[in-house]
Amino acid sequence: MSGPNTAPSWRLPPLPPGRVLEVVRAPDPMLGQPGQPVDPTAEHVVQLSADLVATQQVSRGCVGLAAQQVGVASQVFSVDVREHAKTRSCHGLFVLCNVEIVATSRRERGREGCLSVPDFTGDVARAHRLTVRGQLPVTGEWVTLETDGFEAVAIQHEIDHTQGLIFLDRVTGPQGVHPRRTYQ
């Protein structure tokens, strides 16, 4: 498992310049569309990967972004938890395609938010240790990622998006939805 100062055994291949795209917000039906598997070497998938990274990087507080959130029903997402205070394990910035969950731990409840649901947060039970397998854009290489803590939660949140789910679909009951706090 990679800790905060440990590099993974693989690297995200160089991506072309990305475009900043508009983020889709609930109740847009695109957020409920399960993603199709992709060819990670296809030019449009490589460009989508770059666009996800570019959009994530200009979105304040964003630690992950899935294709559905920019209007594309595909199994592609980006994650970068380096700047988040709750980060333990960290694989830096990465994009994965066609992700499969290999192993999980017992679930623990935690608070989640989402760019596509800007006015609310919710209590969601997620595994805090996670192993996934997915493909890198550009090369199509299959990689395995083992992680824990906040990064594990962020990855599961993005996998849900690629399956047509948002965190509100997983809250622990009506009392588990909260108005988002805003800080000046």
C-alpha atoms as a PDB file:
ATOM      1  CA  MET A   1       0.000   0.000   0.000  1.00  0.00           C
ATOM      2  CA  SER A   2       1.304   3.446  -0.821  1.00  0.00           C
ATOM      3  CA  GLY A   3       1.499   5.972   1.985  1.00  0.00           C
ATOM      4  CA  PRO A   4       1.431   9.758   1.563  1.00  0.00           C
ATOM      5  CA  ASN A   5       5.099   9.870   0.568  1.00  0.00           C
ATOM      6  CA  THR A   6       5.276   6.612  -1.392  1.00  0.00           C
ATOM      7  CA  ALA A   7       4.999   6.517  -5.183  1.00  0.00           C
ATOM      8  CA  PRO A   8       2.826   3.819  -6.770  1.00  0.00           C
ATOM      9  CA  SER A   9       4.475   1.189  -8.944  1.00  0.00           C
ATOM     10  CA  TRP A  10       2.808   2.755 -12.025  1.00  0.00           C
ATOM     11  CA  ARG A  11       2.421   6.273 -13.388  1.00  0.00           C
ATOM     12  CA  LEU A  12      -0.307   8.130 -15.234  1.00  0.00           C
ATOM     13  CA  PRO A  13       0.904   8.446 -18.833  1.00  0.00           C
ATOM     14  CA  PRO A  14       1.242  12.001 -20.179  1.00  0.00           C
ATOM     15  CA  LEU A  15      -2.098  13.395 -21.333  1.00  0.00           C
ATOM     16  CA  PRO A  16      -2.793  16.076 -23.958  1.00  0.00           C
ATOM     17  CA  PRO A  17      -3.910  19.524 -22.794  1.00  0.00           C
ATOM     18  CA  GLY A  18      -7.330  19.257 -21.184  1.00  0.00           C
ATOM     19  CA  ARG A  19     -10.358  21.481 -21.595  1.00  0.00           C
ATOM     20  CA  VAL A  20     -12.348  22.710 -18.602  1.00  0.00           C
ATOM     21  CA  LEU A  21     -15.867  21.348 -18.998  1.00  0.00           C
ATOM     22  CA  GLU A  22     -19.127  22.290 -17.303  1.00  0.00           C
ATOM     23  CA  VAL A  23     -19.999  20.044 -14.351  1.00  0.00           C
ATOM     24  CA  VAL A  24     -23.454  18.456 -14.558  1.00  0.00           C
ATOM     25  CA  ARG A  25     -25.636  18.963 -11.473  1.00  0.00           C
ATOM     26  CA  ALA A  26     -28.426  16.860  -9.966  1.00  0.00           C
ATOM     27  CA  PRO A  27     -31.151  16.197 -11.009  1.00  0.00           C
ATOM     28  CA  ASP A  28     -29.626  15.967 -14.515  1.00  0.00           C
ATOM     29  CA  PRO A  29     -30.487  12.472 -15.866  1.00  0.00           C
ATOM     30  CA  MET A  30     -26.878  11.984 -17.067  1.00  0.00           C
ATOM     31  CA  LEU A  31     -25.879  11.369 -13.435  1.00  0.00           C
ATOM     32  CA  GLY A  32     -28.119   8.272 -13.434  1.00  0.00           C
ATOM     33  CA  GLN A  33     -26.603   6.778 -16.593  1.00  0.00           C
ATOM     34  CA  PRO A  34     -24.352   3.752 -16.043  1.00  0.00           C
ATOM     35  CA  GLY A  35     -21.119   4.160 -17.972  1.00  0.00           C
ATOM     36  CA  GLN A  36     -20.102   2.014 -20.888  1.00  0.00           C
ATOM     37  CA  PRO A  37     -16.713   0.272 -20.852  1.00  0.00           C
ATOM     38  CA  VAL A  38     -14.161   2.187 -22.908  1.00  0.00           C
ATOM     39  CA  ASP A  39     -11.071   1.556 -24.994  1.00  0.00           C
ATOM     40  CA  PRO A  40      -8.575   3.552 -22.883  1.00  0.00           C
ATOM     41  CA  THR A  41      -6.283   3.988 -25.889  1.00  0.00           C
ATOM     42  CA  ALA A  42      -8.979   5.642 -28.046  1.00  0.00           C
ATOM     43  CA  GLU A  43      -8.281   9.293 -28.817  1.00  0.00           C
ATOM     44  CA  HIS A  44     -11.640  10.507 -27.423  1.00  0.00           C
ATOM     45  CA  VAL A  45     -11.074   8.599 -24.141  1.00  0.00           C
ATOM     46  CA  VAL A  46      -7.563  10.033 -23.776  1.00  0.00           C
ATOM     47  CA  GLN A  47      -9.009  13.527 -24.370  1.00  0.00           C
ATOM     48  CA  LEU A  48     -11.839  12.865 -21.882  1.00  0.00           C
ATOM     49  CA  SER A  49      -9.217  11.823 -19.318  1.00  0.00           C
ATOM     50  CA  ALA A  50      -7.329  15.088 -19.870  1.00  0.00           C
ATOM     51  CA  ASP A  51     -10.575  17.070 -19.648  1.00  0.00           C
ATOM     52  CA  LEU A  52     -11.507  15.404 -16.335  1.00  0.00           C
ATOM     53  CA  VAL A  53      -8.105  16.338 -14.895  1.00  0.00           C
ATOM     54  CA  ALA A  54      -8.343  19.940 -16.158  1.00  0.00           C
ATOM     55  CA  THR A  55     -11.880  20.358 -14.816  1.00  0.00           C
ATOM     56  CA  GLN A  56     -11.003  18.773 -11.466  1.00  0.00           C
ATOM     57  CA  GLN A  57      -7.963  21.010 -11.035  1.00  0.00           C
ATOM     58  CA  VAL A  58      -9.968  24.248 -11.386  1.00  0.00           C
ATOM     59  CA  SER A  59     -12.838  23.045  -9.176  1.00  0.00           C
ATOM     60  CA  ARG A  60     -12.189  24.197  -5.614  1.00  0.00           C
ATOM     61  CA  GLY A  61     -12.045  21.304  -3.142  1.00  0.00           C
ATOM     62  CA  CYS A  62     -12.606  18.656  -5.819  1.00  0.00           C
ATOM     63  CA  VAL A  63     -10.850  15.329  -5.116  1.00  0.00           C
ATOM     64  CA  GLY A  64     -12.401  13.307  -7.944  1.00  0.00           C
ATOM     65  CA  LEU A  65     -14.473  13.628 -11.092  1.00  0.00           C
ATOM     66  CA  ALA A  66     -16.265  11.024 -13.210  1.00  0.00           C
ATOM     67  CA  ALA A  67     -17.233  11.134 -16.885  1.00  0.00           C
ATOM     68  CA  GLN A  68     -20.951  11.360 -16.019  1.00  0.00           C
ATOM     69  CA  GLN A  69     -20.248  14.623 -14.192  1.00  0.00           C
ATOM     70  CA  VAL A  70     -19.138  16.210 -17.470  1.00  0.00           C
ATOM     71  CA  GLY A  71     -21.973  14.701 -19.514  1.00  0.00           C
ATOM     72  CA  VAL A  72     -20.408  11.458 -20.802  1.00  0.00           C
ATOM     73  CA  ALA A  73     -21.749   7.999 -19.844  1.00  0.00           C
ATOM     74  CA  SER A  74     -18.384   6.195 -19.699  1.00  0.00           C
ATOM     75  CA  GLN A  75     -16.375   4.246 -17.143  1.00  0.00           C
ATOM     76  CA  VAL A  76     -13.641   6.849 -16.648  1.00  0.00           C
ATOM     77  CA  PHE A  77     -12.751   8.933 -13.581  1.00  0.00           C
ATOM     78  CA  SER A  78      -9.958  11.012 -12.096  1.00  0.00           C
ATOM     79  CA  VAL A  79      -8.865  11.231  -8.442  1.00  0.00           C
ATOM     80  CA  ASP A  80      -6.345  13.413  -6.619  1.00  0.00           C
ATOM     81  CA  VAL A  81      -6.506  13.602  -2.809  1.00  0.00           C
ATOM     82  CA  ARG A  82      -3.035  15.099  -2.237  1.00  0.00           C
ATOM     83  CA  GLU A  83      -4.367  18.389  -0.866  1.00  0.00           C
ATOM     84  CA  HIS A  84      -7.095  16.960   1.395  1.00  0.00           C
ATOM     85  CA  ALA A  85      -6.520  17.079   5.167  1.00  0.00           C
ATOM     86  CA  LYS A  86      -7.941  13.574   5.750  1.00  0.00           C
ATOM     87  CA  THR A  87      -5.544  11.874   3.305  1.00  0.00           C
ATOM     88  CA  ARG A  88      -3.440   8.949   4.546  1.00  0.00           C
ATOM     89  CA  SER A  89      -2.638   6.793   1.520  1.00  0.00           C
ATOM     90  CA  CYS A  90      -2.189   8.732  -1.676  1.00  0.00           C
ATOM     91  CA  HIS A  91      -1.399   7.711  -5.243  1.00  0.00           C
ATOM     92  CA  GLY A  92      -1.276  11.321  -6.458  1.00  0.00           C
ATOM     93  CA  LEU A  93      -3.235  12.366  -9.523  1.00  0.00           C
ATOM     94  CA  PHE A  94      -4.539   9.471 -11.594  1.00  0.00           C
ATOM     95  CA  VAL A  95      -7.208   8.542 -14.122  1.00  0.00           C
ATOM     96  CA  LEU A  96      -8.607   5.027 -14.350  1.00  0.00           C
ATOM     97  CA  CYS A  97     -10.901   3.373 -16.886  1.00  0.00           C
ATOM     98  CA  ASN A  98     -13.110   0.271 -16.569  1.00  0.00           C
ATOM     99  CA  VAL A  99     -12.467  -0.102 -12.835  1.00  0.00           C
ATOM    100  CA  GLU A 100     -13.359  -3.277 -10.966  1.00  0.00           C
ATOM    101  CA  ILE A 101     -13.417  -3.587  -7.177  1.00  0.00           C
ATOM    102  CA  VAL A 102     -11.205  -6.515  -6.149  1.00  0.00           C
ATOM    103  CA  ALA A 103     -11.434  -6.360  -2.335  1.00  0.00           C
ATOM    104  CA  THR A 104     -12.964  -4.183   0.384  1.00  0.00           C
ATOM    105  CA  SER A 105     -12.966  -3.958   4.153  1.00  0.00           C
ATOM    106  CA  ARG A 106     -15.800  -3.473   6.592  1.00  0.00           C
ATOM    107  CA  ARG A 107     -17.760  -0.316   5.874  1.00  0.00           C
ATOM    108  CA  GLU A 108     -17.602   2.782   8.055  1.00  0.00           C
ATOM    109  CA  ARG A 109     -19.900   5.779   7.866  1.00  0.00           C
ATOM    110  CA  GLY A 110     -18.532   9.162   6.847  1.00  0.00           C
ATOM    111  CA  ARG A 111     -19.701  12.484   5.408  1.00  0.00           C
ATOM    112  CA  GLU A 112     -19.476  13.020   1.631  1.00  0.00           C
ATOM    113  CA  GLY A 113     -20.101  15.878  -0.740  1.00  0.00           C
ATOM    114  CA  CYS A 114     -20.070  16.218  -4.514  1.00  0.00           C
ATOM    115  CA  LEU A 115     -19.647  18.933  -7.152  1.00  0.00           C
ATOM    116  CA  SER A 116     -22.808  17.621  -8.810  1.00  0.00           C
ATOM    117  CA  VAL A 117     -24.805  18.012  -5.573  1.00  0.00           C
ATOM    118  CA  PRO A 118     -23.464  21.357  -4.346  1.00  0.00           C
ATOM    119  CA  ASP A 119     -26.073  22.131  -1.680  1.00  0.00           C
ATOM    120  CA  PHE A 120     -25.952  18.928   0.388  1.00  0.00           C
ATOM    121  CA  THR A 121     -23.638  16.442   2.064  1.00  0.00           C
ATOM    122  CA  GLY A 122     -24.567  12.979   3.265  1.00  0.00           C
ATOM    123  CA  ASP A 123     -23.594  10.181   5.605  1.00  0.00           C
ATOM    124  CA  VAL A 124     -22.476   7.200   3.509  1.00  0.00           C
ATOM    125  CA  ALA A 125     -21.043   3.832   4.590  1.00  0.00           C
ATOM    126  CA  ARG A 126     -17.939   3.001   2.562  1.00  0.00           C
ATOM    127  CA  ALA A 127     -15.061   0.560   2.841  1.00  0.00           C
ATOM    128  CA  HIS A 128     -11.964   2.220   4.293  1.00  0.00           C
ATOM    129  CA  ARG A 129      -9.561  -0.301   2.778  1.00  0.00           C
ATOM    130  CA  LEU A 130      -9.905  -0.950  -0.922  1.00  0.00           C
ATOM    131  CA  THR A 131      -8.228  -2.772  -3.794  1.00  0.00           C
ATOM    132  CA  VAL A 132      -9.285  -1.947  -7.347  1.00  0.00           C
ATOM    133  CA  ARG A 133      -8.109  -2.903 -10.799  1.00  0.00           C
ATOM    134  CA  GLY A 134      -8.423  -0.592 -13.786  1.00  0.00           C
ATOM    135  CA  GLN A 135      -6.832   0.561 -17.010  1.00  0.00           C
ATOM    136  CA  LEU A 136      -4.695   3.624 -17.576  1.00  0.00           C
ATOM    137  CA  PRO A 137      -5.660   5.979 -20.387  1.00  0.00           C
ATOM    138  CA  VAL A 138      -3.218   6.209 -23.316  1.00  0.00           C
ATOM    139  CA  THR A 139      -1.537   2.800 -22.763  1.00  0.00           C
ATOM    140  CA  GLY A 140      -4.493   0.656 -21.663  1.00  0.00           C
ATOM    141  CA  GLU A 141      -2.209  -0.969 -19.074  1.00  0.00           C
ATOM    142  CA  TRP A 142      -4.103  -2.808 -16.313  1.00  0.00           C
ATOM    143  CA  VAL A 143      -2.985  -1.653 -12.857  1.00  0.00           C
ATOM    144  CA  THR A 144      -3.941  -2.614  -9.318  1.00  0.00           C
ATOM    145  CA  LEU A 145      -4.358   0.054  -6.676  1.00  0.00           C
ATOM    146  CA  GLU A 146      -4.475  -0.723  -2.945  1.00  0.00           C
ATOM    147  CA  THR A 147      -5.428   2.153  -0.684  1.00  0.00           C
ATOM    148  CA  ASP A 148      -7.209   3.150   2.486  1.00  0.00           C
ATOM    149  CA  GLY A 149      -8.839   6.048   4.276  1.00  0.00           C
ATOM    150  CA  PHE A 150     -10.001   9.081   2.353  1.00  0.00           C
ATOM    151  CA  GLU A 151      -8.542   7.971  -0.988  1.00  0.00           C
ATOM    152  CA  ALA A 152     -10.485   4.676  -0.749  1.00  0.00           C
ATOM    153  CA  VAL A 153     -13.699   6.594  -0.092  1.00  0.00           C
ATOM    154  CA  ALA A 154     -13.044   9.002  -2.993  1.00  0.00           C
ATOM    155  CA  ILE A 155     -12.458   6.119  -5.412  1.00  0.00           C
ATOM    156  CA  GLN A 156     -15.685   4.380  -4.368  1.00  0.00           C
ATOM    157  CA  HIS A 157     -17.578   7.673  -4.795  1.00  0.00           C
ATOM    158  CA  GLU A 158     -16.255   7.974  -8.379  1.00  0.00           C
ATOM    159  CA  ILE A 159     -16.929   4.303  -9.183  1.00  0.00           C
ATOM    160  CA  ASP A 160     -20.529   4.934  -8.101  1.00  0.00           C
ATOM    161  CA  HIS A 161     -20.746   7.823 -10.578  1.00  0.00           C
ATOM    162  CA  THR A 162     -19.564   5.530 -13.388  1.00  0.00           C
ATOM    163  CA  GLN A 163     -22.376   3.141 -12.419  1.00  0.00           C
ATOM    164  CA  GLY A 164     -25.029   5.879 -12.509  1.00  0.00           C
ATOM    165  CA  LEU A 165     -25.204   6.471  -8.749  1.00  0.00           C
ATOM    166  CA  ILE A 166     -24.654   9.595  -6.667  1.00  0.00           C
ATOM    167  CA  PHE A 167     -23.897   9.645  -2.949  1.00  0.00           C
ATOM    168  CA  LEU A 168     -27.535  10.522  -2.164  1.00  0.00           C
ATOM    169  CA  ASP A 169     -28.433   7.034  -3.452  1.00  0.00           C
ATOM    170  CA  ARG A 170     -26.320   5.570  -0.629  1.00  0.00           C
ATOM    171  CA  VAL A 171     -27.065   7.802   2.372  1.00  0.00           C
ATOM    172  CA  THR A 172     -27.901   5.991   5.587  1.00  0.00           C
ATOM    173  CA  GLY A 173     -31.503   7.295   5.695  1.00  0.00           C
ATOM    174  CA  PRO A 174     -33.338  10.628   5.462  1.00  0.00           C
ATOM    175  CA  GLN A 175     -31.529  11.890   8.567  1.00  0.00           C
ATOM    176  CA  GLY A 176     -28.260  11.266   6.703  1.00  0.00           C
ATOM    177  CA  VAL A 177     -28.668  14.245   4.325  1.00  0.00           C
ATOM    178  CA  HIS A 178     -27.363  17.632   5.524  1.00  0.00           C
ATOM    179  CA  PRO A 179     -27.311  21.156   4.088  1.00  0.00           C
ATOM    180  CA  ARG A 180     -23.759  21.937   2.972  1.00  0.00           C
ATOM    181  CA  ARG A 181     -21.948  24.357   5.207  1.00  0.00           C
ATOM    182  CA  THR A 182     -20.338  27.275   3.447  1.00  0.00           C
ATOM    183  CA  TYR A 183     -17.317  29.000   4.854  1.00  0.00           C
ATOM    184  CA  GLN A 184     -16.390  32.603   4.088  1.00  0.00           C
END
